[in-house]
N, C-alpha and C. Protein backbone atom coordinates (compact mmCIF):
# COMPACT_ATOMS: atom_id res chain seq x y z
N MET A 1 26.42 0.66 -7.90
CA MET A 1 24.98 0.83 -7.96
C MET A 1 24.40 0.62 -6.55
N PRO A 2 23.51 1.51 -6.12
CA PRO A 2 22.94 1.37 -4.77
C PRO A 2 22.08 0.11 -4.66
N LYS A 3 22.09 -0.46 -3.47
CA LYS A 3 21.22 -1.59 -3.15
C LYS A 3 19.93 -1.02 -2.59
N LYS A 4 18.83 -1.71 -2.87
CA LYS A 4 17.53 -1.30 -2.36
C LYS A 4 16.96 -2.41 -1.50
N LEU A 5 16.39 -2.01 -0.37
CA LEU A 5 15.74 -2.95 0.53
C LEU A 5 14.30 -2.52 0.73
N VAL A 6 13.41 -3.49 0.76
CA VAL A 6 12.03 -3.25 1.20
C VAL A 6 11.98 -3.76 2.63
N ILE A 7 11.51 -2.91 3.53
CA ILE A 7 11.46 -3.25 4.95
C ILE A 7 10.03 -3.07 5.44
N THR A 8 9.51 -4.07 6.12
CA THR A 8 8.26 -3.91 6.83
C THR A 8 8.59 -4.00 8.31
N ALA A 9 7.90 -3.19 9.10
CA ALA A 9 8.11 -3.21 10.55
C ALA A 9 6.75 -3.13 11.22
N LEU A 10 6.58 -3.91 12.27
CA LEU A 10 5.31 -3.97 12.99
C LEU A 10 5.59 -4.06 14.48
N GLY A 11 4.91 -3.20 15.23
CA GLY A 11 5.07 -3.23 16.68
C GLY A 11 4.01 -2.37 17.36
N ALA A 12 3.93 -2.48 18.67
CA ALA A 12 2.95 -1.71 19.42
C ALA A 12 3.19 -0.22 19.18
N ASP A 13 2.11 0.52 18.94
CA ASP A 13 2.21 1.95 18.69
C ASP A 13 2.66 2.68 19.95
N ARG A 14 3.54 3.66 19.77
CA ARG A 14 3.99 4.50 20.88
C ARG A 14 4.66 5.73 20.29
N PRO A 15 4.71 6.82 21.05
CA PRO A 15 5.40 8.02 20.56
C PRO A 15 6.89 7.73 20.35
N GLY A 16 7.45 8.30 19.29
CA GLY A 16 8.88 8.19 19.04
C GLY A 16 9.30 7.03 18.16
N ILE A 17 8.36 6.19 17.77
CA ILE A 17 8.72 4.99 17.02
C ILE A 17 9.30 5.32 15.63
N VAL A 18 8.75 6.34 14.96
CA VAL A 18 9.28 6.73 13.64
C VAL A 18 10.68 7.31 13.80
N ASN A 19 10.87 8.11 14.83
CA ASN A 19 12.19 8.69 15.10
C ASN A 19 13.22 7.58 15.31
N GLU A 20 12.88 6.59 16.11
CA GLU A 20 13.83 5.52 16.42
C GLU A 20 14.15 4.67 15.18
N LEU A 21 13.13 4.35 14.39
CA LEU A 21 13.36 3.55 13.20
C LEU A 21 14.17 4.34 12.17
N SER A 22 13.82 5.60 11.96
CA SER A 22 14.58 6.41 10.99
C SER A 22 16.02 6.61 11.47
N ASP A 23 16.24 6.69 12.79
CA ASP A 23 17.59 6.80 13.33
C ASP A 23 18.39 5.52 13.03
N ALA A 24 17.76 4.36 13.18
CA ALA A 24 18.44 3.09 12.88
C ALA A 24 18.83 3.03 11.41
N LEU A 25 17.98 3.53 10.54
CA LEU A 25 18.29 3.54 9.11
C LEU A 25 19.41 4.53 8.81
N CYS A 26 19.28 5.73 9.36
CA CYS A 26 20.28 6.78 9.14
C CYS A 26 21.64 6.35 9.69
N SER A 27 21.65 5.75 10.86
CA SER A 27 22.91 5.28 11.48
C SER A 27 23.60 4.24 10.61
N ASN A 28 22.81 3.50 9.84
CA ASN A 28 23.36 2.49 8.93
C ASN A 28 23.55 3.04 7.52
N LYS A 29 23.45 4.37 7.38
CA LYS A 29 23.68 5.05 6.09
C LYS A 29 22.72 4.59 5.00
N LEU A 30 21.46 4.36 5.40
CA LEU A 30 20.42 4.01 4.43
C LEU A 30 19.47 5.19 4.27
N ASN A 31 19.04 5.41 3.05
CA ASN A 31 18.17 6.53 2.71
C ASN A 31 16.74 6.03 2.47
N ILE A 32 15.76 6.66 3.08
CA ILE A 32 14.35 6.31 2.84
C ILE A 32 13.91 6.95 1.53
N GLU A 33 13.55 6.11 0.55
CA GLU A 33 13.09 6.59 -0.75
C GLU A 33 11.57 6.69 -0.82
N ASP A 34 10.89 5.77 -0.15
CA ASP A 34 9.43 5.74 -0.21
C ASP A 34 8.95 5.07 1.07
N SER A 35 7.79 5.48 1.56
CA SER A 35 7.27 4.86 2.78
C SER A 35 5.77 4.99 2.88
N ARG A 36 5.18 4.07 3.61
CA ARG A 36 3.77 4.10 3.98
C ARG A 36 3.73 3.69 5.44
N MET A 37 2.99 4.40 6.24
CA MET A 37 2.88 4.02 7.65
C MET A 37 1.49 4.31 8.15
N SER A 38 1.08 3.51 9.15
CA SER A 38 -0.26 3.66 9.69
C SER A 38 -0.33 2.99 11.06
N VAL A 39 -1.27 3.49 11.85
CA VAL A 39 -1.60 2.82 13.10
C VAL A 39 -2.87 2.01 12.82
N LEU A 40 -2.79 0.71 13.04
CA LEU A 40 -3.90 -0.20 12.80
C LEU A 40 -4.22 -0.87 14.12
N GLY A 41 -5.39 -0.56 14.68
CA GLY A 41 -5.69 -1.02 16.03
C GLY A 41 -4.68 -0.37 16.95
N GLY A 42 -4.01 -1.15 17.76
CA GLY A 42 -2.98 -0.62 18.64
C GLY A 42 -1.58 -0.85 18.10
N GLU A 43 -1.47 -1.26 16.84
CA GLU A 43 -0.17 -1.59 16.24
C GLU A 43 0.24 -0.51 15.24
N PHE A 44 1.53 -0.26 15.21
CA PHE A 44 2.12 0.63 14.22
C PHE A 44 2.71 -0.23 13.12
N ALA A 45 2.38 0.08 11.88
CA ALA A 45 2.89 -0.68 10.74
C ALA A 45 3.53 0.28 9.75
N ILE A 46 4.67 -0.13 9.23
CA ILE A 46 5.37 0.71 8.25
C ILE A 46 5.94 -0.16 7.14
N LEU A 47 5.93 0.39 5.95
CA LEU A 47 6.51 -0.25 4.78
C LEU A 47 7.46 0.77 4.16
N LEU A 48 8.70 0.39 3.97
CA LEU A 48 9.73 1.31 3.51
C LEU A 48 10.48 0.76 2.31
N LEU A 49 10.89 1.65 1.42
CA LEU A 49 11.88 1.34 0.41
C LEU A 49 13.09 2.19 0.76
N VAL A 50 14.21 1.54 1.04
CA VAL A 50 15.43 2.26 1.40
C VAL A 50 16.55 1.88 0.45
N SER A 51 17.54 2.76 0.35
CA SER A 51 18.68 2.46 -0.52
C SER A 51 19.97 2.85 0.18
N GLY A 52 21.04 2.22 -0.27
CA GLY A 52 22.37 2.51 0.26
C GLY A 52 23.39 1.64 -0.44
N THR A 53 24.62 1.75 -0.01
CA THR A 53 25.68 0.92 -0.59
C THR A 53 25.45 -0.54 -0.21
N SER A 54 26.14 -1.42 -0.89
CA SER A 54 26.06 -2.84 -0.56
C SER A 54 26.45 -3.08 0.89
N GLN A 55 27.51 -2.41 1.33
CA GLN A 55 27.98 -2.57 2.70
C GLN A 55 26.93 -2.09 3.71
N ALA A 56 26.29 -0.97 3.41
CA ALA A 56 25.27 -0.43 4.32
C ALA A 56 24.08 -1.38 4.41
N ALA A 57 23.64 -1.90 3.27
CA ALA A 57 22.51 -2.82 3.25
C ALA A 57 22.84 -4.10 4.01
N GLU A 58 24.04 -4.65 3.76
CA GLU A 58 24.45 -5.88 4.44
C GLU A 58 24.58 -5.67 5.94
N ALA A 59 25.10 -4.52 6.34
CA ALA A 59 25.24 -4.22 7.77
C ALA A 59 23.87 -4.11 8.44
N PHE A 60 22.92 -3.50 7.77
CA PHE A 60 21.58 -3.36 8.33
C PHE A 60 20.93 -4.74 8.49
N VAL A 61 21.03 -5.56 7.46
CA VAL A 61 20.46 -6.91 7.52
C VAL A 61 21.12 -7.71 8.65
N ALA A 62 22.43 -7.59 8.79
CA ALA A 62 23.14 -8.33 9.84
C ALA A 62 22.73 -7.87 11.24
N SER A 63 22.35 -6.60 11.36
CA SER A 63 21.98 -6.07 12.68
C SER A 63 20.47 -6.16 12.95
N GLN A 64 19.75 -6.85 12.09
CA GLN A 64 18.29 -6.96 12.24
C GLN A 64 17.86 -7.42 13.64
N PRO A 65 18.42 -8.48 14.21
CA PRO A 65 17.97 -8.90 15.55
C PRO A 65 18.16 -7.81 16.61
N ASP A 66 19.30 -7.10 16.57
CA ASP A 66 19.54 -6.03 17.53
C ASP A 66 18.55 -4.88 17.34
N ILE A 67 18.26 -4.55 16.08
CA ILE A 67 17.32 -3.45 15.79
C ILE A 67 15.92 -3.84 16.26
N GLU A 68 15.52 -5.09 16.01
CA GLU A 68 14.21 -5.55 16.47
C GLU A 68 14.10 -5.45 17.98
N ASN A 69 15.12 -5.88 18.69
CA ASN A 69 15.10 -5.81 20.16
C ASN A 69 15.04 -4.37 20.63
N SER A 70 15.84 -3.52 20.03
CA SER A 70 15.89 -2.12 20.43
C SER A 70 14.56 -1.41 20.18
N LEU A 71 13.95 -1.66 19.04
CA LEU A 71 12.70 -0.99 18.67
C LEU A 71 11.45 -1.70 19.20
N LYS A 72 11.63 -2.94 19.66
CA LYS A 72 10.48 -3.77 20.06
C LYS A 72 9.49 -3.90 18.89
N MET A 73 10.07 -4.19 17.74
CA MET A 73 9.29 -4.36 16.51
C MET A 73 9.78 -5.59 15.77
N LYS A 74 8.91 -6.17 14.96
CA LYS A 74 9.27 -7.27 14.08
C LYS A 74 9.56 -6.69 12.70
N LEU A 75 10.74 -6.97 12.16
CA LEU A 75 11.14 -6.47 10.85
C LEU A 75 11.22 -7.60 9.85
N THR A 76 10.81 -7.33 8.64
CA THR A 76 11.03 -8.21 7.51
C THR A 76 11.80 -7.39 6.49
N ILE A 77 12.90 -7.94 5.99
CA ILE A 77 13.76 -7.20 5.07
C ILE A 77 13.97 -8.03 3.81
N LYS A 78 13.81 -7.39 2.65
CA LYS A 78 13.98 -8.09 1.38
C LYS A 78 14.74 -7.20 0.41
N LEU A 79 15.75 -7.75 -0.22
CA LEU A 79 16.50 -7.05 -1.26
C LEU A 79 15.61 -6.94 -2.49
N THR A 80 15.59 -5.79 -3.14
CA THR A 80 14.77 -5.60 -4.32
C THR A 80 15.54 -4.79 -5.35
N GLU A 81 14.96 -4.66 -6.51
CA GLU A 81 15.54 -3.86 -7.59
C GLU A 81 14.45 -2.99 -8.17
N THR A 82 14.85 -1.97 -8.91
CA THR A 82 13.88 -1.12 -9.59
C THR A 82 13.16 -1.97 -10.62
N LYS A 83 11.83 -1.88 -10.60
CA LYS A 83 11.02 -2.69 -11.50
C LYS A 83 11.12 -2.15 -12.93
N ALA A 84 11.44 -3.05 -13.84
CA ALA A 84 11.46 -2.69 -15.26
C ALA A 84 10.04 -2.74 -15.78
N GLU A 85 9.60 -1.65 -16.37
CA GLU A 85 8.24 -1.60 -16.90
C GLU A 85 8.14 -2.49 -18.13
N SER A 86 7.20 -3.44 -18.09
CA SER A 86 7.05 -4.36 -19.22
C SER A 86 6.08 -3.81 -20.25
N GLN A 87 5.22 -2.89 -19.83
CA GLN A 87 4.27 -2.29 -20.77
C GLN A 87 3.86 -0.93 -20.26
N GLN A 88 3.30 -0.15 -21.14
CA GLN A 88 2.80 1.16 -20.76
C GLN A 88 1.48 1.00 -20.01
N LEU A 89 1.39 1.66 -18.86
CA LEU A 89 0.17 1.61 -18.06
C LEU A 89 -0.32 3.03 -17.80
N ILE A 90 -1.63 3.19 -17.83
CA ILE A 90 -2.25 4.49 -17.55
C ILE A 90 -2.80 4.43 -16.14
N PRO A 91 -2.40 5.38 -15.28
CA PRO A 91 -2.91 5.36 -13.90
C PRO A 91 -4.35 5.87 -13.83
N TYR A 92 -5.17 5.13 -13.09
CA TYR A 92 -6.55 5.52 -12.83
C TYR A 92 -6.80 5.43 -11.34
N ASP A 93 -7.65 6.32 -10.83
CA ASP A 93 -8.08 6.29 -9.44
C ASP A 93 -9.44 5.62 -9.34
N VAL A 94 -9.60 4.80 -8.31
CA VAL A 94 -10.87 4.15 -8.00
C VAL A 94 -11.25 4.59 -6.59
N ASP A 95 -12.45 5.12 -6.45
CA ASP A 95 -12.97 5.50 -5.14
C ASP A 95 -14.30 4.82 -4.93
N VAL A 96 -14.47 4.25 -3.73
CA VAL A 96 -15.69 3.51 -3.40
C VAL A 96 -16.13 3.90 -2.00
N VAL A 97 -17.43 4.07 -1.83
CA VAL A 97 -18.05 4.26 -0.52
C VAL A 97 -19.26 3.35 -0.47
N ALA A 98 -19.45 2.67 0.67
CA ALA A 98 -20.60 1.76 0.81
C ALA A 98 -20.82 1.46 2.28
N ILE A 99 -21.97 0.89 2.57
CA ILE A 99 -22.18 0.33 3.90
C ILE A 99 -21.20 -0.83 4.03
N ASP A 100 -20.50 -0.89 5.16
CA ASP A 100 -19.46 -1.91 5.32
C ASP A 100 -20.06 -3.30 5.30
N ASN A 101 -19.42 -4.19 4.54
CA ASN A 101 -19.77 -5.60 4.55
C ASN A 101 -18.58 -6.39 4.02
N PRO A 102 -18.44 -7.63 4.44
CA PRO A 102 -17.29 -8.44 4.02
C PRO A 102 -17.27 -8.65 2.51
N GLY A 103 -16.07 -8.65 1.94
CA GLY A 103 -15.89 -9.02 0.53
C GLY A 103 -15.73 -7.88 -0.44
N ILE A 104 -15.84 -6.64 0.00
CA ILE A 104 -15.74 -5.52 -0.94
C ILE A 104 -14.36 -5.52 -1.62
N VAL A 105 -13.30 -5.56 -0.83
CA VAL A 105 -11.95 -5.53 -1.40
C VAL A 105 -11.74 -6.74 -2.30
N HIS A 106 -12.16 -7.91 -1.85
CA HIS A 106 -11.99 -9.13 -2.66
C HIS A 106 -12.72 -9.01 -4.00
N ASN A 107 -13.96 -8.54 -3.97
CA ASN A 107 -14.72 -8.41 -5.22
C ASN A 107 -14.06 -7.44 -6.19
N LEU A 108 -13.56 -6.33 -5.69
CA LEU A 108 -12.91 -5.36 -6.57
C LEU A 108 -11.56 -5.88 -7.07
N ALA A 109 -10.80 -6.52 -6.19
CA ALA A 109 -9.52 -7.09 -6.61
C ALA A 109 -9.73 -8.16 -7.67
N SER A 110 -10.76 -8.97 -7.50
CA SER A 110 -11.10 -10.01 -8.48
C SER A 110 -11.45 -9.39 -9.84
N PHE A 111 -12.25 -8.32 -9.80
CA PHE A 111 -12.66 -7.63 -11.03
C PHE A 111 -11.42 -7.17 -11.81
N PHE A 112 -10.52 -6.47 -11.13
CA PHE A 112 -9.35 -5.93 -11.83
C PHE A 112 -8.36 -7.02 -12.21
N SER A 113 -8.15 -7.98 -11.35
CA SER A 113 -7.21 -9.07 -11.64
C SER A 113 -7.64 -9.86 -12.87
N SER A 114 -8.93 -10.12 -13.00
CA SER A 114 -9.42 -10.89 -14.14
C SER A 114 -9.21 -10.16 -15.47
N ARG A 115 -8.94 -8.87 -15.39
CA ARG A 115 -8.70 -8.05 -16.59
C ARG A 115 -7.22 -7.68 -16.74
N GLN A 116 -6.36 -8.34 -15.95
CA GLN A 116 -4.91 -8.09 -15.98
C GLN A 116 -4.56 -6.64 -15.65
N ILE A 117 -5.34 -6.04 -14.74
CA ILE A 117 -5.10 -4.68 -14.29
C ILE A 117 -4.48 -4.75 -12.90
N ASN A 118 -3.35 -4.08 -12.75
CA ASN A 118 -2.59 -4.14 -11.51
C ASN A 118 -3.07 -3.07 -10.52
N ILE A 119 -3.26 -3.48 -9.27
CA ILE A 119 -3.55 -2.53 -8.20
C ILE A 119 -2.19 -2.04 -7.69
N VAL A 120 -1.95 -0.75 -7.83
CA VAL A 120 -0.67 -0.15 -7.48
C VAL A 120 -0.67 0.35 -6.04
N ASP A 121 -1.80 0.86 -5.60
CA ASP A 121 -1.91 1.41 -4.25
C ASP A 121 -3.35 1.21 -3.78
N LEU A 122 -3.51 0.89 -2.50
CA LEU A 122 -4.85 0.62 -1.97
C LEU A 122 -4.91 1.09 -0.52
N GLU A 123 -5.96 1.83 -0.21
CA GLU A 123 -6.18 2.29 1.16
C GLU A 123 -7.67 2.18 1.47
N THR A 124 -7.99 1.62 2.63
CA THR A 124 -9.38 1.49 3.05
C THR A 124 -9.56 2.09 4.43
N ASP A 125 -10.82 2.38 4.76
CA ASP A 125 -11.14 2.93 6.07
C ASP A 125 -12.59 2.59 6.40
N ARG A 126 -12.86 2.51 7.69
CA ARG A 126 -14.24 2.35 8.18
C ARG A 126 -14.54 3.55 9.08
N TYR A 127 -15.78 3.99 9.02
CA TYR A 127 -16.17 5.13 9.84
C TYR A 127 -17.68 5.09 10.05
N ALA A 128 -18.15 5.84 11.04
CA ALA A 128 -19.59 5.91 11.32
C ALA A 128 -20.20 7.03 10.48
N ALA A 129 -21.32 6.73 9.82
CA ALA A 129 -22.03 7.75 9.04
C ALA A 129 -22.50 8.86 9.97
N ALA A 130 -22.48 10.08 9.47
CA ALA A 130 -22.74 11.27 10.29
C ALA A 130 -24.06 11.23 11.06
N HIS A 131 -25.16 10.99 10.41
CA HIS A 131 -26.45 11.11 11.08
C HIS A 131 -27.00 9.80 11.61
N THR A 132 -26.63 8.69 10.96
CA THR A 132 -27.22 7.41 11.36
C THR A 132 -26.30 6.54 12.21
N GLY A 133 -25.00 6.80 12.13
CA GLY A 133 -24.05 5.97 12.86
C GLY A 133 -23.76 4.64 12.17
N THR A 134 -24.34 4.42 11.01
CA THR A 134 -24.11 3.20 10.24
C THR A 134 -22.62 3.06 9.92
N THR A 135 -22.08 1.85 10.04
CA THR A 135 -20.67 1.63 9.73
C THR A 135 -20.48 1.66 8.22
N MET A 136 -19.69 2.62 7.78
CA MET A 136 -19.42 2.82 6.36
C MET A 136 -18.00 2.35 6.04
N PHE A 137 -17.79 2.07 4.77
CA PHE A 137 -16.50 1.61 4.26
C PHE A 137 -16.10 2.52 3.11
N SER A 138 -14.86 2.98 3.11
CA SER A 138 -14.36 3.74 1.97
C SER A 138 -13.07 3.10 1.47
N LEU A 139 -12.86 3.20 0.18
CA LEU A 139 -11.70 2.62 -0.47
C LEU A 139 -11.18 3.60 -1.50
N HIS A 140 -9.87 3.74 -1.53
CA HIS A 140 -9.22 4.49 -2.61
C HIS A 140 -8.10 3.61 -3.13
N MET A 141 -8.05 3.43 -4.42
CA MET A 141 -6.95 2.68 -5.02
C MET A 141 -6.51 3.35 -6.30
N THR A 142 -5.25 3.12 -6.62
CA THR A 142 -4.71 3.52 -7.90
C THR A 142 -4.41 2.23 -8.65
N ILE A 143 -4.85 2.17 -9.88
CA ILE A 143 -4.64 1.00 -10.71
C ILE A 143 -3.83 1.38 -11.94
N GLY A 144 -3.14 0.41 -12.52
CA GLY A 144 -2.41 0.61 -13.77
C GLY A 144 -3.14 -0.11 -14.89
N VAL A 145 -3.74 0.66 -15.78
CA VAL A 145 -4.54 0.09 -16.87
C VAL A 145 -3.69 0.01 -18.14
N PRO A 146 -3.55 -1.19 -18.72
CA PRO A 146 -2.79 -1.31 -19.97
C PRO A 146 -3.36 -0.40 -21.06
N THR A 147 -2.48 0.15 -21.88
CA THR A 147 -2.91 1.12 -22.90
C THR A 147 -3.84 0.51 -23.94
N ASP A 148 -3.84 -0.79 -24.10
CA ASP A 148 -4.73 -1.41 -25.10
C ASP A 148 -6.12 -1.72 -24.55
N THR A 149 -6.39 -1.31 -23.31
CA THR A 149 -7.70 -1.56 -22.69
C THR A 149 -8.70 -0.51 -23.17
N ALA A 150 -9.87 -0.94 -23.54
CA ALA A 150 -10.95 -0.02 -23.93
C ALA A 150 -11.54 0.58 -22.66
N ILE A 151 -11.20 1.82 -22.38
CA ILE A 151 -11.56 2.47 -21.12
C ILE A 151 -13.08 2.58 -20.96
N ALA A 152 -13.79 2.91 -22.01
CA ALA A 152 -15.25 3.05 -21.92
C ALA A 152 -15.89 1.72 -21.51
N SER A 153 -15.41 0.62 -22.10
CA SER A 153 -15.94 -0.70 -21.74
C SER A 153 -15.58 -1.06 -20.30
N LEU A 154 -14.33 -0.78 -19.92
CA LEU A 154 -13.89 -1.05 -18.56
C LEU A 154 -14.76 -0.28 -17.56
N ARG A 155 -14.97 1.00 -17.83
CA ARG A 155 -15.78 1.82 -16.93
C ARG A 155 -17.21 1.29 -16.83
N ASP A 156 -17.80 0.89 -17.97
CA ASP A 156 -19.16 0.34 -17.96
C ASP A 156 -19.23 -0.95 -17.14
N GLU A 157 -18.28 -1.84 -17.35
CA GLU A 157 -18.25 -3.11 -16.60
C GLU A 157 -18.04 -2.85 -15.11
N PHE A 158 -17.17 -1.90 -14.79
CA PHE A 158 -16.90 -1.56 -13.40
C PHE A 158 -18.15 -1.01 -12.73
N MET A 159 -18.82 -0.11 -13.40
CA MET A 159 -20.02 0.49 -12.81
C MET A 159 -21.13 -0.56 -12.65
N THR A 160 -21.21 -1.49 -13.57
CA THR A 160 -22.21 -2.56 -13.47
C THR A 160 -21.96 -3.41 -12.24
N ILE A 161 -20.72 -3.84 -12.02
CA ILE A 161 -20.45 -4.67 -10.85
C ILE A 161 -20.65 -3.87 -9.56
N CYS A 162 -20.30 -2.60 -9.59
CA CYS A 162 -20.50 -1.77 -8.39
C CYS A 162 -21.99 -1.61 -8.09
N ASP A 163 -22.81 -1.46 -9.13
CA ASP A 163 -24.26 -1.39 -8.92
C ASP A 163 -24.78 -2.70 -8.33
N GLU A 164 -24.28 -3.83 -8.84
CA GLU A 164 -24.71 -5.13 -8.32
C GLU A 164 -24.33 -5.31 -6.85
N LEU A 165 -23.18 -4.75 -6.45
CA LEU A 165 -22.69 -4.88 -5.08
C LEU A 165 -23.15 -3.73 -4.18
N ASN A 166 -23.94 -2.82 -4.75
CA ASN A 166 -24.43 -1.65 -4.02
C ASN A 166 -23.28 -0.77 -3.50
N LEU A 167 -22.34 -0.50 -4.39
CA LEU A 167 -21.20 0.35 -4.08
C LEU A 167 -21.31 1.65 -4.84
N ASP A 168 -21.12 2.76 -4.16
CA ASP A 168 -21.05 4.07 -4.81
C ASP A 168 -19.60 4.25 -5.23
N ALA A 169 -19.34 4.31 -6.54
CA ALA A 169 -17.95 4.24 -7.01
C ALA A 169 -17.68 5.18 -8.16
N THR A 170 -16.40 5.53 -8.30
CA THR A 170 -15.93 6.28 -9.47
C THR A 170 -14.63 5.65 -9.97
N LEU A 171 -14.41 5.78 -11.25
CA LEU A 171 -13.18 5.36 -11.91
C LEU A 171 -12.75 6.54 -12.76
N SER A 172 -11.63 7.16 -12.41
CA SER A 172 -11.23 8.37 -13.12
C SER A 172 -9.73 8.40 -13.39
N SER A 173 -9.36 9.05 -14.48
CA SER A 173 -7.97 9.18 -14.86
C SER A 173 -7.25 10.09 -13.88
N THR A 174 -6.00 9.77 -13.58
CA THR A 174 -5.21 10.61 -12.68
C THR A 174 -4.48 11.71 -13.43
N VAL A 175 -4.50 11.65 -14.77
CA VAL A 175 -3.79 12.66 -15.57
C VAL A 175 -4.73 13.68 -16.14
């Protein structure tokens, strides 16, 4: 059975960094199954799920210090397994736009967490509004809603909190 590793890597952004990291993985006979990468400020950040034989995974972990030196990046490596689904979840998309202010992500995470709804994916961005230059905030997340959740009630409660926080938001099914 293949071993799976979750790898995070962080380092100064520069051309060729993805090529070098993917070469290190390929050289160690590891396959990239899933990834997220972004430039944040002047830093390049990547999150990877890779798989390979036990020997390949162990060799990569053992060579971590050399790979970090070569790439000039900090790596965190963790062995993982495929998650067994404990319950049926329905994927929903959440989109929010608002004038930027502290606490938006925390308030939304609190709302969903208190209802045992898992945030599966989350992406945020800040940008200047077209005509006014006002700093705006946008958020897109995918959540997993348990099948026994009353969607109409959830949507009503979500829209109420978004109105209270002055957030322009939608909650929609991905299917």
